Amino acid sequence: VNVVLVASLFKPVLNAGVVLFPLA
């Protein structure tokens, strides 16, 4: 979750949270 949040500031990876946030 932390990597998604930080990386999404620089790369378009926030959509990965659709799976990773609920899974967490």
PDB file of all heavy atoms in Angstrom:
ATOM      1  N   VAL A   1       0.839  -1.201   0.000  1.00  0.00           N
ATOM      2  CA  VAL A   1       0.000   0.000   0.000  1.00  0.00           C
ATOM      3  C   VAL A   1       0.874   1.251   0.000  1.00  0.00           C
ATOM      4  O   VAL A   1       0.625   2.209  -0.747  1.00  0.00           O
ATOM      5  CB  VAL A   1      -0.949   0.001   1.216  1.00  0.00           C
ATOM      6  CG1 VAL A   1      -1.631   1.361   1.374  1.00  0.00           C
ATOM      7  CG2 VAL A   1      -2.002  -1.089   1.072  1.00  0.00           C
ATOM      8  N   ASN A   2       1.908   1.244   0.833  1.00  0.00           N
ATOM      9  CA  ASN A   2       2.798   2.395   0.914  1.00  0.00           C
ATOM     10  C   ASN A   2       3.499   2.654  -0.421  1.00  0.00           C
ATOM     11  O   ASN A   2       3.611   3.803  -0.877  1.00  0.00           O
ATOM     12  CB  ASN A   2       3.829   2.173   2.017  1.00  0.00           C
ATOM     13  CG  ASN A   2       4.690   3.401   2.255  1.00  0.00           C
ATOM     14  OD1 ASN A   2       4.215   4.448   2.664  1.00  0.00           O
ATOM     15  ND2 ASN A   2       5.972   3.271   1.981  1.00  0.00           N
ATOM     16  N   VAL A   3       3.955   1.593  -1.074  1.00  0.00           N
ATOM     17  CA  VAL A   3       4.636   1.737  -2.365  1.00  0.00           C
ATOM     18  C   VAL A   3       3.682   2.285  -3.420  1.00  0.00           C
ATOM     19  O   VAL A   3       4.048   3.149  -4.218  1.00  0.00           O
ATOM     20  CB  VAL A   3       5.238   0.387  -2.813  1.00  0.00           C
ATOM     21  CG1 VAL A   3       5.735   0.470  -4.249  1.00  0.00           C
ATOM     22  CG2 VAL A   3       6.387  -0.016  -1.892  1.00  0.00           C
ATOM     23  N   VAL A   4       2.431   1.794  -3.431  1.00  0.00           N
ATOM     24  CA  VAL A   4       1.445   2.305  -4.383  1.00  0.00           C
ATOM     25  C   VAL A   4       1.225   3.797  -4.174  1.00  0.00           C
ATOM     26  O   VAL A   4       1.203   4.586  -5.132  1.00  0.00           O
ATOM     27  CB  VAL A   4       0.105   1.551  -4.252  1.00  0.00           C
ATOM     28  CG1 VAL A   4      -0.999   2.288  -5.006  1.00  0.00           C
ATOM     29  CG2 VAL A   4       0.225   0.151  -4.793  1.00  0.00           C
ATOM     30  N   LEU A   5       1.052   4.203  -2.912  1.00  0.00           N
ATOM     31  CA  LEU A   5       0.778   5.608  -2.623  1.00  0.00           C
ATOM     32  C   LEU A   5       1.941   6.508  -3.031  1.00  0.00           C
ATOM     33  O   LEU A   5       1.743   7.579  -3.616  1.00  0.00           O
ATOM     34  CB  LEU A   5       0.472   5.784  -1.130  1.00  0.00           C
ATOM     35  CG  LEU A   5      -0.841   5.157  -0.650  1.00  0.00           C
ATOM     36  CD1 LEU A   5      -0.978   5.317   0.859  1.00  0.00           C
ATOM     37  CD2 LEU A   5      -2.036   5.774  -1.353  1.00  0.00           C
ATOM     38  N   VAL A   6       3.162   6.085  -2.729  1.00  0.00           N
ATOM     39  CA  VAL A   6       4.330   6.897  -3.075  1.00  0.00           C
ATOM     40  C   VAL A   6       4.562   6.893  -4.586  1.00  0.00           C
ATOM     41  O   VAL A   6       4.756   7.944  -5.210  1.00  0.00           O
ATOM     42  CB  VAL A   6       5.589   6.400  -2.331  1.00  0.00           C
ATOM     43  CG1 VAL A   6       6.824   7.143  -2.811  1.00  0.00           C
ATOM     44  CG2 VAL A   6       5.418   6.581  -0.825  1.00  0.00           C
ATOM     45  N   ALA A   7       4.524   5.709  -5.189  1.00  0.00           N
ATOM     46  CA  ALA A   7       4.796   5.604  -6.627  1.00  0.00           C
ATOM     47  C   ALA A   7       3.748   6.333  -7.460  1.00  0.00           C
ATOM     48  O   ALA A   7       4.058   6.858  -8.534  1.00  0.00           O
ATOM     49  CB  ALA A   7       4.862   4.136  -7.038  1.00  0.00           C
ATOM     50  N   SER A   8       2.507   6.384  -6.963  1.00  0.00           N
ATOM     51  CA  SER A   8       1.434   7.020  -7.730  1.00  0.00           C
ATOM     52  C   SER A   8       1.633   8.529  -7.856  1.00  0.00           C
ATOM     53  O   SER A   8       0.977   9.174  -8.679  1.00  0.00           O
ATOM     54  CB  SER A   8       0.078   6.728  -7.087  1.00  0.00           C
ATOM     55  OG  SER A   8      -0.062   7.400  -5.837  1.00  0.00           O
ATOM     56  N   LEU A   9       2.519   9.092  -7.036  1.00  0.00           N
ATOM     57  CA  LEU A   9       2.837  10.509  -7.163  1.00  0.00           C
ATOM     58  C   LEU A   9       3.691  10.778  -8.399  1.00  0.00           C
ATOM     59  O   LEU A   9       3.764  11.923  -8.873  1.00  0.00           O
ATOM     60  CB  LEU A   9       3.573  11.002  -5.915  1.00  0.00           C
ATOM     61  CG  LEU A   9       2.796  10.936  -4.598  1.00  0.00           C
ATOM     62  CD1 LEU A   9       3.719  11.282  -3.428  1.00  0.00           C
ATOM     63  CD2 LEU A   9       1.594  11.874  -4.623  1.00  0.00           C
ATOM     64  N   PHE A  10       4.337   9.729  -8.927  1.00  0.00           N
ATOM     65  CA  PHE A  10       5.255   9.892 -10.050  1.00  0.00           C
ATOM     66  C   PHE A  10       4.862   9.074 -11.281  1.00  0.00           C
ATOM     67  O   PHE A  10       5.229   9.434 -12.392  1.00  0.00           O
ATOM     68  CB  PHE A  10       6.677   9.480  -9.623  1.00  0.00           C
ATOM     69  CG  PHE A  10       7.128  10.136  -8.352  1.00  0.00           C
ATOM     70  CD1 PHE A  10       7.047   9.476  -7.131  1.00  0.00           C
ATOM     71  CD2 PHE A  10       7.613  11.438  -8.355  1.00  0.00           C
ATOM     72  CE1 PHE A  10       7.457  10.072  -5.954  1.00  0.00           C
ATOM     73  CE2 PHE A  10       8.031  12.050  -7.190  1.00  0.00           C
ATOM     74  CZ  PHE A  10       7.947  11.373  -5.978  1.00  0.00           C
ATOM     75  N   LYS A  11       4.145   7.972 -11.052  1.00  0.00           N
ATOM     76  CA  LYS A  11       3.767   7.077 -12.144  1.00  0.00           C
ATOM     77  C   LYS A  11       2.270   6.771 -12.048  1.00  0.00           C
ATOM     78  O   LYS A  11       1.691   6.774 -10.947  1.00  0.00           O
ATOM     79  CB  LYS A  11       4.553   5.754 -12.069  1.00  0.00           C
ATOM     80  CG  LYS A  11       6.065   5.908 -12.198  1.00  0.00           C
ATOM     81  CD  LYS A  11       6.467   6.281 -13.623  1.00  0.00           C
ATOM     82  CE  LYS A  11       7.986   6.392 -13.739  1.00  0.00           C
ATOM     83  NZ  LYS A  11       8.397   6.715 -15.128  1.00  0.00           N
ATOM     84  N   PRO A  12       1.628   6.452 -13.189  1.00  0.00           N
ATOM     85  CA  PRO A  12       0.188   6.138 -13.164  1.00  0.00           C
ATOM     86  C   PRO A  12      -0.085   4.722 -12.672  1.00  0.00           C
ATOM     87  O   PRO A  12      -0.486   3.839 -13.431  1.00  0.00           O
ATOM     88  CB  PRO A  12      -0.213   6.313 -14.636  1.00  0.00           C
ATOM     89  CG  PRO A  12       1.021   5.979 -15.403  1.00  0.00           C
ATOM     90  CD  PRO A  12       2.171   6.473 -14.561  1.00  0.00           C
ATOM     91  N   VAL A  13       0.118   4.496 -11.363  1.00  0.00           N
ATOM     92  CA  VAL A  13      -0.079   3.153 -10.794  1.00  0.00           C
ATOM     93  C   VAL A  13      -1.173   3.117  -9.734  1.00  0.00           C
ATOM     94  O   VAL A  13      -1.380   2.079  -9.099  1.00  0.00           O
ATOM     95  CB  VAL A  13       1.244   2.601 -10.196  1.00  0.00           C
ATOM     96  CG1 VAL A  13       2.298   2.440 -11.272  1.00  0.00           C
ATOM     97  CG2 VAL A  13       1.750   3.503  -9.077  1.00  0.00           C
ATOM     98  N   LEU A  14      -1.885   4.239  -9.539  1.00  0.00           N
ATOM     99  CA  LEU A  14      -2.902   4.256  -8.488  1.00  0.00           C
ATOM    100  C   LEU A  14      -4.022   3.259  -8.762  1.00  0.00           C
ATOM    101  O   LEU A  14      -4.673   2.783  -7.835  1.00  0.00           O
ATOM    102  CB  LEU A  14      -3.476   5.665  -8.334  1.00  0.00           C
ATOM    103  CG  LEU A  14      -4.369   5.911  -7.110  1.00  0.00           C
ATOM    104  CD1 LEU A  14      -3.603   5.642  -5.815  1.00  0.00           C
ATOM    105  CD2 LEU A  14      -4.909   7.337  -7.117  1.00  0.00           C
ATOM    106  N   ASN A  15      -4.239   2.913 -10.030  1.00  0.00           N
ATOM    107  CA  ASN A  15      -5.275   1.924 -10.354  1.00  0.00           C
ATOM    108  C   ASN A  15      -4.983   0.558  -9.743  1.00  0.00           C
ATOM    109  O   ASN A  15      -5.900  -0.253  -9.582  1.00  0.00           O
ATOM    110  CB  ASN A  15      -5.432   1.797 -11.870  1.00  0.00           C
ATOM    111  CG  ASN A  15      -6.124   3.007 -12.477  1.00  0.00           C
ATOM    112  OD1 ASN A  15      -7.060   3.554 -11.892  1.00  0.00           O
ATOM    113  ND2 ASN A  15      -5.675   3.435 -13.644  1.00  0.00           N
ATOM    114  N   ALA A  16      -3.715   0.286  -9.419  1.00  0.00           N
ATOM    115  CA  ALA A  16      -3.391  -0.972  -8.742  1.00  0.00           C
ATOM    116  C   ALA A  16      -4.087  -1.057  -7.385  1.00  0.00           C
ATOM    117  O   ALA A  16      -4.323  -2.146  -6.865  1.00  0.00           O
ATOM    118  CB  ALA A  16      -1.879  -1.109  -8.559  1.00  0.00           C
ATOM    119  N   GLY A  17      -4.424   0.108  -6.816  1.00  0.00           N
ATOM    120  CA  GLY A  17      -5.132   0.130  -5.543  1.00  0.00           C
ATOM    121  C   GLY A  17      -6.524  -0.460  -5.608  1.00  0.00           C
ATOM    122  O   GLY A  17      -7.090  -0.830  -4.576  1.00  0.00           O
ATOM    123  N   VAL A  18      -7.088  -0.566  -6.805  1.00  0.00           N
ATOM    124  CA  VAL A  18      -8.411  -1.194  -6.957  1.00  0.00           C
ATOM    125  C   VAL A  18      -8.386  -2.603  -6.393  1.00  0.00           C
ATOM    126  O   VAL A  18      -9.367  -3.081  -5.803  1.00  0.00           O
ATOM    127  CB  VAL A  18      -8.830  -1.210  -8.445  1.00  0.00           C
ATOM    128  CG1 VAL A  18     -10.094  -2.017  -8.649  1.00  0.00           C
ATOM    129  CG2 VAL A  18      -9.020   0.217  -8.943  1.00  0.00           C
ATOM    130  N   VAL A  19      -7.266  -3.286  -6.558  1.00  0.00           N
ATOM    131  CA  VAL A  19      -7.100  -4.645  -6.018  1.00  0.00           C
ATOM    132  C   VAL A  19      -6.381  -4.621  -4.680  1.00  0.00           C
ATOM    133  O   VAL A  19      -6.813  -5.264  -3.709  1.00  0.00           O
ATOM    134  CB  VAL A  19      -6.324  -5.531  -7.016  1.00  0.00           C
ATOM    135  CG1 VAL A  19      -6.024  -6.900  -6.398  1.00  0.00           C
ATOM    136  CG2 VAL A  19      -7.118  -5.692  -8.305  1.00  0.00           C
ATOM    137  N   LEU A  20      -5.278  -3.878  -4.598  1.00  0.00           N
ATOM    138  CA  LEU A  20      -4.408  -3.963  -3.425  1.00  0.00           C
ATOM    139  C   LEU A  20      -5.026  -3.343  -2.171  1.00  0.00           C
ATOM    140  O   LEU A  20      -4.823  -3.858  -1.063  1.00  0.00           O
ATOM    141  CB  LEU A  20      -3.064  -3.310  -3.716  1.00  0.00           C
ATOM    142  CG  LEU A  20      -2.190  -4.045  -4.740  1.00  0.00           C
ATOM    143  CD1 LEU A  20      -0.898  -3.296  -4.983  1.00  0.00           C
ATOM    144  CD2 LEU A  20      -1.892  -5.457  -4.267  1.00  0.00           C
ATOM    145  N   PHE A  21      -5.787  -2.235  -2.296  1.00  0.00           N
ATOM    146  CA  PHE A  21      -6.371  -1.623  -1.107  1.00  0.00           C
ATOM    147  C   PHE A  21      -7.388  -2.553  -0.432  1.00  0.00           C
ATOM    148  O   PHE A  21      -7.279  -2.821   0.770  1.00  0.00           O
ATOM    149  CB  PHE A  21      -7.012  -0.274  -1.447  1.00  0.00           C
ATOM    150  CG  PHE A  21      -6.038   0.783  -1.882  1.00  0.00           C
ATOM    151  CD1 PHE A  21      -6.462   1.871  -2.641  1.00  0.00           C
ATOM    152  CD2 PHE A  21      -4.692   0.707  -1.553  1.00  0.00           C
ATOM    153  CE1 PHE A  21      -5.571   2.856  -3.048  1.00  0.00           C
ATOM    154  CE2 PHE A  21      -3.788   1.694  -1.952  1.00  0.00           C
ATOM    155  CZ  PHE A  21      -4.233   2.754  -2.702  1.00  0.00           C
ATOM    156  N   PRO A  22      -8.394  -3.068  -1.167  1.00  0.00           N
ATOM    157  CA  PRO A  22      -9.318  -4.000  -0.515  1.00  0.00           C
ATOM    158  C   PRO A  22      -8.630  -5.264   0.000  1.00  0.00           C
ATOM    159  O   PRO A  22      -8.987  -5.770   1.070  1.00  0.00           O
ATOM    160  CB  PRO A  22     -10.324  -4.332  -1.628  1.00  0.00           C
ATOM    161  CG  PRO A  22     -10.262  -3.181  -2.560  1.00  0.00           C
ATOM    162  CD  PRO A  22      -8.824  -2.746  -2.541  1.00  0.00           C
ATOM    163  N   LEU A  23      -7.637  -5.764  -0.764  1.00  0.00           N
ATOM    164  CA  LEU A  23      -6.922  -6.967  -0.320  1.00  0.00           C
ATOM    165  C   LEU A  23      -6.193  -6.703   0.991  1.00  0.00           C
ATOM    166  O   LEU A  23      -6.186  -7.555   1.896  1.00  0.00           O
ATOM    167  CB  LEU A  23      -5.942  -7.413  -1.397  1.00  0.00           C
ATOM    168  CG  LEU A  23      -5.161  -8.695  -1.113  1.00  0.00           C
ATOM    169  CD1 LEU A  23      -6.104  -9.867  -0.895  1.00  0.00           C
ATOM    170  CD2 LEU A  23      -4.194  -8.995  -2.259  1.00  0.00           C
ATOM    171  N   ALA A  24      -5.580  -5.526   1.118  1.00  0.00           N
ATOM    172  CA  ALA A  24      -4.906  -5.171   2.367  1.00  0.00           C
ATOM    173  C   ALA A  24      -5.898  -5.136   3.520  1.00  0.00           C
ATOM    174  O   ALA A  24      -5.598  -5.602   4.629  1.00  0.00           O
ATOM    175  CB  ALA A  24      -4.217  -3.813   2.227  1.00  0.00           C
TER     176      ALA A  24
END
